PDB file of N, CA and C in Angstrom:
ATOM      1  N   SER A   1      94.980 131.011  72.373  1.00  0.00           N
ATOM      2  CA  SER A   1      94.155 130.602  73.188  1.00  0.00           C
ATOM      3  C   SER A   1      94.099 128.926  73.157  1.00  0.00           C
ATOM      4  N   SER A   2      94.167 128.347  71.998  1.00  0.00           N
ATOM      5  CA  SER A   2      94.366 127.027  71.690  1.00  0.00           C
ATOM      6  C   SER A   2      95.734 126.402  72.295  1.00  0.00           C
ATOM      7  N   GLY A   3      96.717 127.177  72.161  1.00  0.00           N
ATOM      8  CA  GLY A   3      98.091 126.693  72.644  1.00  0.00           C
ATOM      9  C   GLY A   3      97.904 126.507  74.253  1.00  0.00           C
ATOM     10  N   LEU A   4      97.195 127.450  74.842  1.00  0.00           N
ATOM     11  CA  LEU A   4      97.005 127.441  76.263  1.00  0.00           C
ATOM     12  C   LEU A   4      96.175 126.038  76.777  1.00  0.00           C
ATOM     13  N   ALA A   5      95.255 125.959  75.923  1.00  0.00           N
ATOM     14  CA  ALA A   5      94.128 124.651  76.194  1.00  0.00           C
ATOM     15  C   ALA A   5      94.955 123.471  76.228  1.00  0.00           C
ATOM     16  N   LEU A   6      96.023 123.334  75.020  1.00  0.00           N
ATOM     17  CA  LEU A   6      96.872 122.190  75.069  1.00  0.00           C
ATOM     18  C   LEU A   6      97.753 121.982  76.179  1.00  0.00           C
ATOM     19  N   VAL A   7      98.510 123.141  76.659  1.00  0.00           N
ATOM     20  CA  VAL A   7      99.090 122.938  77.896  1.00  0.00           C
ATOM     21  C   VAL A   7      98.549 122.579  78.981  1.00  0.00           C
ATOM     22  N   GLU A   8      97.097 123.121  79.124  1.00  0.00           N
ATOM     23  CA  GLU A   8      96.440 122.679  80.341  1.00  0.00           C
ATOM     24  C   GLU A   8      95.908 121.071  80.391  1.00  0.00           C
ATOM     25  N   THR A   9      95.741 120.754  79.014  1.00  0.00           N
ATOM     26  CA  THR A   9      95.338 119.320  78.808  1.00  0.00           C
ATOM     27  C   THR A   9      96.564 118.607  79.301  1.00  0.00           C
ATOM     28  N   GLY A  10      97.779 118.765  78.710  1.00  0.00           N
ATOM     29  CA  GLY A  10      98.936 118.227  79.176  1.00  0.00           C
ATOM     30  C   GLY A  10      99.112 117.952  80.637  1.00  0.00           C
ATOM     31  N   TRP A  11      98.945 119.219  81.254  1.00  0.00           N
ATOM     32  CA  TRP A  11      98.947 119.205  82.701  1.00  0.00           C
ATOM     33  C   TRP A  11      98.135 118.195  83.561  1.00  0.00           C
ATOM     34  N   GLU A  12      96.971 118.207  82.879  1.00  0.00           N
ATOM     35  CA  GLU A  12      95.955 117.528  83.697  1.00  0.00           C
ATOM     36  C   GLU A  12      96.362 116.012  83.520  1.00  0.00           C
ATOM     37  N   GLY A  13      96.876 115.565  82.101  1.00  0.00           N
ATOM     38  CA  GLY A  13      97.241 114.170  81.979  1.00  0.00           C
ATOM     39  C   GLY A  13      98.619 113.887  82.804  1.00  0.00           C
ATOM     40  N   ALA A  14      99.407 114.860  82.816  1.00  0.00           N
ATOM     41  CA  ALA A  14     100.674 114.498  83.798  1.00  0.00           C
ATOM     42  C   ALA A  14     100.094 114.331  85.292  1.00  0.00           C
ATOM     43  N   ARG A  15      99.215 115.120  85.748  1.00  0.00           N
ATOM     44  CA  ARG A  15      98.698 115.151  87.231  1.00  0.00           C
ATOM     45  C   ARG A  15      98.118 113.740  87.296  1.00  0.00           C
ATOM     46  N   PHE A  16      97.291 113.341  86.333  1.00  0.00           N
ATOM     47  CA  PHE A  16      96.680 111.921  86.408  1.00  0.00           C
ATOM     48  C   PHE A  16      97.760 110.860  86.561  1.00  0.00           C
ATOM     49  N   LEU A  17      98.854 110.863  85.872  1.00  0.00           N
ATOM     50  CA  LEU A  17      99.832 109.901  85.879  1.00  0.00           C
ATOM     51  C   LEU A  17     100.435 109.936  87.280  1.00  0.00           C
ATOM     52  N   ILE A  18     100.895 111.192  87.783  1.00  0.00           N
ATOM     53  CA  ILE A  18     101.293 111.369  88.856  1.00  0.00           C
ATOM     54  C   ILE A  18     100.590 110.770  90.095  1.00  0.00           C
ATOM     55  N   TYR A  19      99.404 111.185  90.138  1.00  0.00           N
ATOM     56  CA  TYR A  19      98.476 110.550  91.131  1.00  0.00           C
ATOM     57  C   TYR A  19      98.300 109.024  90.997  1.00  0.00           C
ATOM     58  N   SER A  20      98.054 108.410  89.828  1.00  0.00           N
ATOM     59  CA  SER A  20      98.146 107.287  89.550  1.00  0.00           C
ATOM     60  C   SER A  20      99.243 106.329  90.182  1.00  0.00           C
ATOM     61  N   GLY A  21     100.492 106.950  89.916  1.00  0.00           N
ATOM     62  CA  GLY A  21     101.570 106.236  90.501  1.00  0.00           C
ATOM     63  C   GLY A  21     101.763 106.467  91.886  1.00  0.00           C
ATOM     64  N   VAL A  22     101.295 107.517  92.596  1.00  0.00           N
ATOM     65  CA  VAL A  22     101.160 107.589  93.957  1.00  0.00           C
ATOM     66  C   VAL A  22     100.044 106.584  94.741  1.00  0.00           C
ATOM     67  N   ILE A  23      98.897 106.637  93.956  1.00  0.00           N
ATOM     68  CA  ILE A  23      98.109 105.585  94.571  1.00  0.00           C
ATOM     69  C   ILE A  23      98.371 104.211  94.413  1.00  0.00           C
ATOM     70  N   GLY A  24      99.096 103.903  93.358  1.00  0.00           N
ATOM     71  CA  GLY A  24      99.845 102.543  93.081  1.00  0.00           C
ATOM     72  C   GLY A  24     100.743 102.188  93.879  1.00  0.00           C
ATOM     73  N   GLY A  25     101.441 103.096  94.255  1.00  0.00           N
ATOM     74  CA  GLY A  25     102.576 102.709  95.552  1.00  0.00           C
ATOM     75  C   GLY A  25     101.961 102.597  96.777  1.00  0.00           C
ATOM     76  N   PHE A  26     100.989 103.125  97.220  1.00  0.00           N
ATOM     77  CA  PHE A  26     100.241 103.231  98.322  1.00  0.00           C
ATOM     78  C   PHE A  26      99.571 101.766  98.481  1.00  0.00           C
ATOM     79  N   VAL A  27      98.981 101.342  97.274  1.00  0.00           N
ATOM     80  CA  VAL A  27      98.189 100.022  97.347  1.00  0.00           C
ATOM     81  C   VAL A  27      99.398  98.988  97.496  1.00  0.00           C
ATOM     82  N   ASN A  28     100.401  99.107  96.827  1.00  0.00           N
ATOM     83  CA  ASN A  28     101.544  98.080  96.864  1.00  0.00           C
ATOM     84  C   ASN A  28     102.070  98.017  98.373  1.00  0.00           C
ATOM     85  N   ILE A  29     102.244  99.060  99.053  1.00  0.00           N
ATOM     86  CA  ILE A  29     102.796  99.084 100.489  1.00  0.00           C
ATOM     87  C   ILE A  29     101.426  98.530 101.485  1.00  0.00           C
ATOM     88  N   LEU A  30     100.325  98.575 101.055  1.00  0.00           N
ATOM     89  CA  LEU A  30      99.315  98.151 101.747  1.00  0.00           C
ATOM     90  C   LEU A  30      99.278  96.714 101.565  1.00  0.00           C
ATOM     91  N   LEU A  31      99.300  96.232 100.425  1.00  0.00           N
ATOM     92  CA  LEU A  31      99.331  94.755 100.203  1.00  0.00           C
ATOM     93  C   LEU A  31     100.571  93.983 100.655  1.00  0.00           C
ATOM     94  N   MET A  32     101.777  94.763 100.777  1.00  0.00           N
ATOM     95  CA  MET A  32     102.812  94.184 101.445  1.00  0.00           C
ATOM     96  C   MET A  32     102.649  93.960 102.923  1.00  0.00           C
ATOM     97  N   VAL A  33     102.269  95.084 103.555  1.00  0.00           N
ATOM     98  CA  VAL A  33     101.930  94.896 105.073  1.00  0.00           C
ATOM     99  C   VAL A  33     100.893  93.780 105.158  1.00  0.00           C
ATOM    100  N   LEU A  34      99.891  93.719 104.375  1.00  0.00           N
ATOM    101  CA  LEU A  34      98.879  92.865 104.638  1.00  0.00           C
ATOM    102  C   LEU A  34      99.420  91.376 104.372  1.00  0.00           C
ATOM    103  N   ASN A  35     100.264  91.142 103.575  1.00  0.00           N
ATOM    104  CA  ASN A  35     100.844  89.815 103.018  1.00  0.00           C
ATOM    105  C   ASN A  35     101.881  89.423 104.307  1.00  0.00           C
ATOM    106  N   LEU A  36     102.507  90.320 104.880  1.00  0.00           N
ATOM    107  CA  LEU A  36     103.265  90.201 106.000  1.00  0.00           C
ATOM    108  C   LEU A  36     102.774  89.741 107.307  1.00  0.00           C
ATOM    109  N   LEU A  37     101.535  89.782 107.485  1.00  0.00           N
ATOM    110  CA  LEU A  37     100.758  89.621 108.676  1.00  0.00           C
ATOM    111  C   LEU A  37     101.121  88.259 109.060  1.00  0.00           C
ATOM    112  N   PRO A  38     101.318  87.983 110.379  1.00  0.00           N
ATOM    113  CA  PRO A  38     101.789  86.354 110.660  1.00  0.00           C
ATOM    114  C   PRO A  38     100.492  85.449 111.152  1.00  0.00           C
ATOM    115  N   ILE A  39      99.415  85.604 109.883  1.00  0.00           N
ATOM    116  CA  ILE A  39      98.423  84.833 110.005  1.00  0.00           C
ATOM    117  C   ILE A  39      98.394  83.749 108.847  1.00  0.00           C
ATOM    118  N   PRO A  40      98.231  82.464 109.181  1.00  0.00           N
ATOM    119  CA  PRO A  40      98.410  81.600 107.874  1.00  0.00           C
ATOM    120  C   PRO A  40      97.261  81.858 107.232  1.00  0.00           C
ATOM    121  N   PRO A  41      97.106  81.803 105.897  1.00  0.00           N
ATOM    122  CA  PRO A  41      98.289  81.509 104.942  1.00  0.00           C
ATOM    123  C   PRO A  41      99.088  82.591 104.451  1.00  0.00           C
ATOM    124  N   LEU A  42      98.878  83.636 104.949  1.00  0.00           N
ATOM    125  CA  LEU A  42      99.759  84.708 104.595  1.00  0.00           C
ATOM    126  C   LEU A  42     101.331  84.551 104.590  1.00  0.00           C
ATOM    127  N   ASP A  43     102.246  85.018 103.930  1.00  0.00           N
ATOM    128  CA  ASP A  43     103.619  84.922 103.946  1.00  0.00           C
ATOM    129  C   ASP A  43     104.184  85.136 105.179  1.00  0.00           C
ATOM    130  N   GLY A  44     103.832  86.267 105.967  1.00  0.00           N
ATOM    131  CA  GLY A  44     104.343  86.439 107.385  1.00  0.00           C
ATOM    132  C   GLY A  44     104.425  85.158 108.171  1.00  0.00           C
ATOM    133  N   SER A  45     103.221  84.465 108.042  1.00  0.00           N
ATOM    134  CA  SER A  45     103.137  83.153 109.032  1.00  0.00           C
ATOM    135  C   SER A  45     104.314  82.072 108.642  1.00  0.00           C
ATOM    136  N   ARG A  46     104.578  82.201 107.285  1.00  0.00           N
ATOM    137  CA  ARG A  46     105.670  81.375 106.941  1.00  0.00           C
ATOM    138  C   ARG A  46     106.913  81.619 107.669  1.00  0.00           C
ATOM    139  N   VAL A  47     107.296  82.914 107.797  1.00  0.00           N
ATOM    140  CA  VAL A  47     108.234  83.428 108.430  1.00  0.00           C
ATOM    141  C   VAL A  47     108.369  83.066 109.866  1.00  0.00           C
ATOM    142  N   VAL A  48     107.144  83.321 110.544  1.00  0.00           N
ATOM    143  CA  VAL A  48     106.829  83.059 112.020  1.00  0.00           C
ATOM    144  C   VAL A  48     107.126  81.301 112.271  1.00  0.00           C
ATOM    145  N   SER A  49     106.313  80.625 111.400  1.00  0.00           N
ATOM    146  CA  SER A  49     106.686  79.158 111.385  1.00  0.00           C
ATOM    147  C   SER A  49     107.985  78.560 111.439  1.00  0.00           C
ATOM    148  N   SER A  50     108.713  79.203 110.626  1.00  0.00           N
ATOM    149  CA  SER A  50     110.207  78.718 110.488  1.00  0.00           C
ATOM    150  C   SER A  50     110.954  78.889 111.729  1.00  0.00           C
ATOM    151  N   PHE A  51     110.693  79.870 112.665  1.00  0.00           N
ATOM    152  CA  PHE A  51     111.286  79.849 113.910  1.00  0.00           C
ATOM    153  C   PHE A  51     110.627  79.227 115.115  1.00  0.00           C
ATOM    154  N   LEU A  52     109.599  78.519 114.984  1.00  0.00           N
ATOM    155  CA  LEU A  52     108.982  77.941 115.830  1.00  0.00           C
ATOM    156  C   LEU A  52     109.451  76.221 115.651  1.00  0.00           C
ATOM    157  N   PRO A  53     109.501  75.664 117.009  1.00  0.00           N
ATOM    158  CA  PRO A  53     109.807  74.161 116.959  1.00  0.00           C
ATOM    159  C   PRO A  53     108.789  73.419 116.240  1.00  0.00           C
ATOM    160  N   GLY A  54     109.034  72.183 115.690  1.00  0.00           N
ATOM    161  CA  GLY A  54     108.483  71.485 114.752  1.00  0.00           C
ATOM    162  C   GLY A  54     106.891  71.337 115.372  1.00  0.00           C
ATOM    163  N   PRO A  55     106.696  70.735 116.396  1.00  0.00           N
ATOM    164  CA  PRO A  55     105.326  70.480 116.831  1.00  0.00           C
ATOM    165  C   PRO A  55     104.410  71.898 116.991  1.00  0.00           C
ATOM    166  N   LEU A  56     104.999  72.851 117.369  1.00  0.00           N
ATOM    167  CA  LEU A  56     104.369  74.099 117.573  1.00  0.00           C
ATOM    168  C   LEU A  56     103.928  74.876 116.288  1.00  0.00           C
ATOM    169  N   ALA A  57     105.146  74.627 115.456  1.00  0.00           N
ATOM    170  CA  ALA A  57     104.855  75.069 114.028  1.00  0.00           C
ATOM    171  C   ALA A  57     103.718  74.392 113.493  1.00  0.00           C
ATOM    172  N   TRP A  58     103.597  73.161 113.718  1.00  0.00           N
ATOM    173  CA  TRP A  58     102.463  72.363 113.063  1.00  0.00           C
ATOM    174  C   TRP A  58     101.077  72.696 113.677  1.00  0.00           C
ATOM    175  N   ARG A  59     101.120  72.933 114.946  1.00  0.00           N
ATOM    176  CA  ARG A  59      99.777  73.516 115.507  1.00  0.00           C
ATOM    177  C   ARG A  59      99.368  74.953 115.008  1.00  0.00           C
ATOM    178  N   TYR A  60     100.555  75.701 114.785  1.00  0.00           N
ATOM    179  CA  TYR A  60     100.369  77.149 114.351  1.00  0.00           C
ATOM    180  C   TYR A  60      99.835  77.064 112.774  1.00  0.00           C
ATOM    181  N   ASN A  61     100.345  76.251 111.996  1.00  0.00           N
ATOM    182  CA  ASN A  61      99.911  76.303 110.362  1.00  0.00           C
ATOM    183  C   ASN A  61      98.519  75.449 110.422  1.00  0.00           C
ATOM    184  N   ARG A  62      98.019  75.149 111.569  1.00  0.00           N
ATOM    185  CA  ARG A  62      96.739  74.338 111.268  1.00  0.00           C
ATOM    186  C   ARG A  62      95.801  75.478 111.425  1.00  0.00           C
ATOM    187  N   LEU A  63      96.099  76.873 111.571  1.00  0.00           N
ATOM    188  CA  LEU A  63      95.147  78.115 111.600  1.00  0.00           C
ATOM    189  C   LEU A  63      94.730  78.452 110.034  1.00  0.00           C
ATOM    190  N   GLU A  64      95.561  77.752 109.112  1.00  0.00           N
ATOM    191  CA  GLU A  64      95.298  78.091 107.740  1.00  0.00           C
ATOM    192  C   GLU A  64      93.752  78.116 107.372  1.00  0.00           C
ATOM    193  N   PRO A  65      93.080  77.132 107.373  1.00  0.00           N
ATOM    194  CA  PRO A  65      91.765  77.124 107.156  1.00  0.00           C
ATOM    195  C   PRO A  65      90.878  78.419 107.486  1.00  0.00           C
ATOM    196  N   ILE A  66      91.155  79.095 108.514  1.00  0.00           N
ATOM    197  CA  ILE A  66      90.335  79.993 109.263  1.00  0.00           C
ATOM    198  C   ILE A  66      91.268  81.493 109.070  1.00  0.00           C
ATOM    199  N   GLY A  67      92.272  81.172 108.475  1.00  0.00           N
ATOM    200  CA  GLY A  67      93.229  82.499 108.191  1.00  0.00           C
ATOM    201  C   GLY A  67      92.413  83.713 107.500  1.00  0.00           C
ATOM    202  N   LEU A  68      91.681  83.445 106.533  1.00  0.00           N
ATOM    203  CA  LEU A  68      90.892  84.627 105.865  1.00  0.00           C
ATOM    204  C   LEU A  68      90.027  85.392 106.848  1.00  0.00           C
ATOM    205  N   LEU A  69      89.179  84.266 107.743  1.00  0.00           N
ATOM    206  CA  LEU A  69      88.318  84.797 108.499  1.00  0.00           C
ATOM    207  C   LEU A  69      88.929  85.628 109.768  1.00  0.00           C
ATOM    208  N   ILE A  70      90.158  85.389 110.097  1.00  0.00           N
ATOM    209  CA  ILE A  70      90.886  86.155 111.080  1.00  0.00           C
ATOM    210  C   ILE A  70      91.210  87.584 110.360  1.00  0.00           C
ATOM    211  N   VAL A  71      91.537  87.546 109.258  1.00  0.00           N
ATOM    212  CA  VAL A  71      91.954  89.021 108.279  1.00  0.00           C
ATOM    213  C   VAL A  71      90.688  89.671 108.481  1.00  0.00           C
ATOM    214  N   LEU A  72      89.731  89.098 107.993  1.00  0.00           N
ATOM    215  CA  LEU A  72      88.477  89.730 107.867  1.00  0.00           C
ATOM    216  C   LEU A  72      87.820  90.437 109.131  1.00  0.00           C
ATOM    217  N   ALA A  73      88.003  89.627 110.254  1.00  0.00           N
ATOM    218  CA  ALA A  73      87.706  90.003 111.409  1.00  0.00           C
ATOM    219  C   ALA A  73      88.476  91.269 111.861  1.00  0.00           C
ATOM    220  N   LEU A  74      89.778  91.139 111.613  1.00  0.00           N
ATOM    221  CA  LEU A  74      90.899  92.400 111.833  1.00  0.00           C
ATOM    222  C   LEU A  74      90.429  93.603 111.251  1.00  0.00           C
ATOM    223  N   ILE A  75      89.819  93.490 109.966  1.00  0.00           N
ATOM    224  CA  ILE A  75      89.280  94.553 109.176  1.00  0.00           C
ATOM    225  C   ILE A  75      87.931  95.188 109.514  1.00  0.00           C
ATOM    226  N   PHE A  76      87.231  94.230 109.869  1.00  0.00           N
ATOM    227  CA  PHE A  76      85.565  94.764 110.228  1.00  0.00           C
ATOM    228  C   PHE A  76      85.661  95.081 111.794  1.00  0.00           C
ATOM    229  N   THR A  77      86.630  94.734 112.606  1.00  0.00           N
ATOM    230  CA  THR A  77      86.580  95.166 113.977  1.00  0.00           C
ATOM    231  C   THR A  77      87.334  96.426 114.108  1.00  0.00           C
ATOM    232  N   GLY A  78      87.939  96.915 113.143  1.00  0.00           N
ATOM    233  CA  GLY A  78      88.832  98.165 113.215  1.00  0.00           C
ATOM    234  C   GLY A  78      90.106  98.024 113.513  1.00  0.00           C
ATOM    235  N   VAL A  79      90.505  96.769 113.964  1.00  0.00           N
ATOM    236  CA  VAL A  79      91.932  96.702 114.389  1.00  0.00           C
ATOM    237  C   VAL A  79      92.873  97.152 113.174  1.00  0.00           C
ATOM    238  N   TRP A  80      92.524  96.578 111.933  1.00  0.00           N
ATOM    239  CA  TRP A  80      93.418  97.003 110.684  1.00  0.00           C
ATOM    240  C   TRP A  80      93.636  98.267 110.909  1.00  0.00           C
ATOM    241  N   SER A  81      92.675  99.268 110.944  1.00  0.00           N
ATOM    242  CA  SER A  81      92.757 100.547 110.846  1.00  0.00           C
ATOM    243  C   SER A  81      93.425 101.443 111.888  1.00  0.00           C
ATOM    244  N   LYS A  82      93.539 100.771 113.158  1.00  0.00           N
ATOM    245  CA  LYS A  82      94.057 101.365 114.192  1.00  0.00           C
ATOM    246  C   LYS A  82      95.525 100.916 114.238  1.00  0.00           C
ATOM    247  N   VAL A  83      95.895  99.617 114.011  1.00  0.00           N
ATOM    248  CA  VAL A  83      97.244  99.155 114.210  1.00  0.00           C
ATOM    249  C   VAL A  83      98.194  99.294 112.834  1.00  0.00           C
ATOM    250  N   PHE A  84      97.491  98.689 111.766  1.00  0.00           N
ATOM    251  CA  PHE A  84      98.405  98.465 110.797  1.00  0.00           C
ATOM    252  C   PHE A  84      98.444  99.420 109.728  1.00  0.00           C
ATOM    253  N   MET A  85      97.299 100.566 109.821  1.00  0.00           N
ATOM    254  CA  MET A  85      97.275 101.760 108.691  1.00  0.00           C
ATOM    255  C   MET A  85      98.379 102.607 109.221  1.00  0.00           C
ATOM    256  N   PRO A  86      98.454 102.896 110.380  1.00  0.00           N
ATOM    257  CA  PRO A  86      99.780 103.665 110.844  1.00  0.00           C
ATOM    258  C   PRO A  86     101.047 103.230 110.181  1.00  0.00           C
ATOM    259  N   LEU A  87     101.177 101.811 110.297  1.00  0.00           N
ATOM    260  CA  LEU A  87     102.341 101.326 109.647  1.00  0.00           C
ATOM    261  C   LEU A  87     102.598 101.563 108.225  1.00  0.00           C
ATOM    262  N   VAL A  88     101.501 101.238 107.478  1.00  0.00           N
ATOM    263  CA  VAL A  88     101.351 101.600 106.069  1.00  0.00           C
ATOM    264  C   VAL A  88     101.863 103.187 105.755  1.00  0.00           C
ATOM    265  N   ALA A  89     101.062 103.801 106.685  1.00  0.00           N
ATOM    266  CA  ALA A  89     101.420 105.315 106.412  1.00  0.00           C
ATOM    267  C   ALA A  89     102.845 105.782 106.853  1.00  0.00           C
ATOM    268  N   ALA A  90     103.527 105.027 107.805  1.00  0.00           N
ATOM    269  CA  ALA A  90     104.837 105.526 108.004  1.00  0.00           C
ATOM    270  C   ALA A  90     105.793 105.063 106.941  1.00  0.00           C
ATOM    271  N   ILE A  91     105.416 103.515 106.471  1.00  0.00           N
ATOM    272  CA  ILE A  91     106.260 103.299 105.256  1.00  0.00           C
ATOM    273  C   ILE A  91     106.167 104.086 103.953  1.00  0.00           C
ATOM    274  N   TYR A  92     105.089 104.533 103.678  1.00  0.00           N
ATOM    275  CA  TYR A  92     104.724 105.477 102.883  1.00  0.00           C
ATOM    276  C   TYR A  92     105.374 106.760 102.744  1.00  0.00           C
ATOM    277  N   SER A  93     105.411 107.276 104.019  1.00  0.00           N
ATOM    278  CA  SER A  93     105.994 108.618 104.401  1.00  0.00           C
ATOM    279  C   SER A  93     107.672 108.445 104.066  1.00  0.00           C
ATOM    280  N   LEU A  94     107.902 107.319 104.564  1.00  0.00           N
ATOM    281  CA  LEU A  94     109.593 107.090 104.559  1.00  0.00           C
ATOM    282  C   LEU A  94     109.705 106.919 103.040  1.00  0.00           C
ATOM    283  N   LEU A  95     109.187 106.111 102.381  1.00  0.00           N
ATOM    284  CA  LEU A  95     109.392 105.896 100.771  1.00  0.00           C
ATOM    285  C   LEU A  95     109.218 107.313 100.226  1.00  0.00           C
ATOM    286  N   ALA A  96     108.192 107.936 100.407  1.00  0.00           N
ATOM    287  CA  ALA A  96     107.894 109.185  99.616  1.00  0.00           C
ATOM    288  C   ALA A  96     109.134 110.093  99.871  1.00  0.00           C
ATOM    289  N   SER A  97     109.600 110.391 101.177  1.00  0.00           N
ATOM    290  CA  SER A  97     110.614 111.342 101.544  1.00  0.00           C
ATOM    291  C   SER A  97     111.875 110.885 100.921  1.00  0.00           C
ATOM    292  N   ALA A  98     112.142 109.506 100.798  1.00  0.00           N
ATOM    293  CA  ALA A  98     113.313 108.990 100.008  1.00  0.00           C
ATOM    294  C   ALA A  98     113.449 109.340  98.538  1.00  0.00           C
ATOM    295  N   VAL A  99     112.417 109.399  98.023  1.00  0.00           N
ATOM    296  CA  VAL A  99     112.348 109.788  96.303  1.00  0.00           C
ATOM    297  C   VAL A  99     112.057 111.155  96.323  1.00  0.00           C
ATOM    298  N   GLY A 100     111.777 111.895  97.328  1.00  0.00           N
ATOM    299  CA  GLY A 100     111.729 113.371  97.245  1.00  0.00           C
ATOM    300  C   GLY A 100     110.267 113.865  96.719  1.00  0.00           C
ATOM    301  N   PHE A 101     109.406 113.049  97.107  1.00  0.00           N
ATOM    302  CA  PHE A 101     107.832 113.287  96.892  1.00  0.00           C
ATOM    303  C   PHE A 101     107.257 113.980  98.156  1.00  0.00           C
ATOM    304  N   ALA A 102     106.849 115.271  97.940  1.00  0.00           N
ATOM    305  CA  ALA A 102     106.108 115.937  99.156  1.00  0.00           C
ATOM    306  C   ALA A 102     104.685 115.778  98.835  1.00  0.00           C
ATOM    307  N   TYR A 103     103.722 115.283  99.613  1.00  0.00           N
ATOM    308  CA  TYR A 103     102.437 115.188  99.551  1.00  0.00           C
ATOM    309  C   TYR A 103     101.766 115.775 100.539  1.00  0.00           C
TER     310      TYR A 103
END
């Protein structure tokens, strides 16, 4: 009986580690998509800005002081969950299937 309890405890520990890794991967994908948004000061805006002509890039980069407000507006209006969460889910599914993880 005590041997069975030890195996079950080991299984619960393994399950915790597996789920922690899955959630950690999901959070990293979520942060990647968020950081690649083309809203200053996020990194995606730097990519967009590099393709814009000088004066237009300067005007675009002037959005930086209100960038956080724009991101919060996207989250609180539901645009984030309708537009960006499907992208996060698609990337997660692609990576999960690439490593052989069935969820």
